[in-house]
Protein backbone atom coordinates (compact mmCIF):
# COMPACT_ATOMS: atom_id res chain seq x y z
CA MET A 1 -1.41 -8.10 -4.61
CA LYS A 2 -1.35 -5.52 -2.17
CA ALA A 3 -3.93 -6.85 0.19
CA THR A 4 -2.72 -9.99 -0.23
CA ARG A 5 0.86 -8.89 1.18
CA ARG A 6 -1.24 -6.89 3.57
CA ALA A 7 -3.92 -9.81 5.17
CA ALA A 8 -0.41 -12.26 4.85
CA ALA A 9 1.08 -9.83 7.21
CA ALA A 10 -1.61 -9.68 9.31
CA PHE A 11 -0.58 -13.51 10.46
CA PRO A 12 2.49 -13.53 11.04
CA ALA A 13 4.77 -16.73 10.20
CA ASP A 14 5.54 -17.57 13.73
CA GLU A 15 2.30 -17.24 15.18
CA VAL A 16 0.99 -19.30 12.16
CA ALA A 17 3.25 -22.11 12.98
CA ASN A 18 2.88 -21.99 16.99
CA PHE A 19 -1.35 -22.16 16.17
CA THR A 20 -0.95 -24.97 13.29
CA ASP A 21 2.03 -26.78 16.22
CA ARG A 22 -1.19 -26.55 18.62
CA TYR A 23 -4.31 -27.63 16.67
CA CYS A 24 -3.54 -29.11 14.16
CA SER A 25 0.08 -30.54 13.24
CA SER A 26 -1.34 -33.74 15.23
CA CYS A 27 -3.06 -34.98 12.33
CA HIS A 28 -2.24 -32.76 9.68
CA ASN A 29 2.08 -33.41 9.32
CA ASP A 30 4.22 -35.85 7.29
CA VAL A 31 3.15 -39.03 8.02
CA ASP A 32 -0.66 -39.02 8.64
CA LYS A 33 -2.22 -36.27 6.32
CA GLU A 34 -5.46 -36.19 7.56
CA GLY A 35 -7.13 -34.84 4.50
CA GLY A 36 -4.60 -35.23 2.15
CA LEU A 37 -2.52 -32.57 3.93
CA ASP A 38 0.68 -31.90 5.81
CA LEU A 39 0.84 -28.11 7.51
CA THR A 40 3.98 -29.05 8.72
CA SER A 41 5.89 -28.71 5.77
CA LEU A 42 3.12 -26.43 3.78
CA SER A 43 4.89 -22.90 3.94
CA PHE A 44 3.02 -19.59 3.08
CA ASP A 45 3.68 -17.89 -0.55
CA ALA A 46 1.09 -15.59 -1.33
CA LYS A 47 2.93 -14.73 -4.50
CA ASP A 48 1.65 -18.99 -4.87
CA ALA A 49 -1.90 -18.77 -6.33
CA ALA A 50 -2.01 -22.22 -5.21
CA ASN A 51 -0.93 -22.16 -1.79
CA PHE A 52 -2.22 -18.91 -0.63
CA ALA A 53 -5.40 -20.59 -1.71
CA MET A 54 -4.24 -24.41 0.77
CA TRP A 55 -3.14 -21.20 3.57
CA VAL A 56 -7.26 -19.17 2.85
CA LYS A 57 -9.11 -22.92 2.87
CA VAL A 58 -7.12 -23.52 5.94
CA HIS A 59 -8.24 -20.55 7.69
CA ASP A 60 -11.51 -20.47 5.92
CA ARG A 61 -12.38 -23.78 7.73
CA VAL A 62 -11.02 -22.95 11.36
CA GLN A 63 -12.86 -19.44 11.01
CA THR A 64 -15.81 -21.32 10.92
CA GLY A 65 -15.06 -24.05 13.28
CA GLU A 66 -15.10 -26.78 11.58
CA MET A 67 -11.16 -27.67 12.74
CA PRO A 68 -10.10 -28.49 14.33
CA PRO A 69 -12.68 -31.66 15.29
CA LYS A 70 -15.08 -30.82 17.96
CA GLU A 71 -13.45 -33.89 20.09
CA LYS A 72 -9.86 -31.52 19.81
CA LYS A 73 -8.31 -29.06 21.98
CA GLN A 74 -10.20 -25.77 20.80
CA PRO A 75 -8.42 -22.65 20.31
CA ALA A 76 -9.43 -19.84 22.48
CA ARG A 77 -11.36 -17.27 20.81
CA ALA A 78 -8.79 -14.34 20.63
CA GLU A 79 -6.71 -16.93 19.23
CA LEU A 80 -8.72 -16.49 16.69
CA GLY A 81 -8.75 -12.73 15.72
């Protein structure tokens, strides 16, 4: 669990919220829920295995370039860590 806490600390909540607001929430919100995902109401809880797994999935899809879709605004390389 210590490694999880260290990993979570590397992504401060306000930075994650700003990132998802810029690049994700136009599709993954409480109205559109593209892919069944609403990032506007998904908080991070490293103690909740399902919640942590969801955030890992979001992270991995952004890191591999699958998200955001190519036709959408893309994050700068520096924003990807």
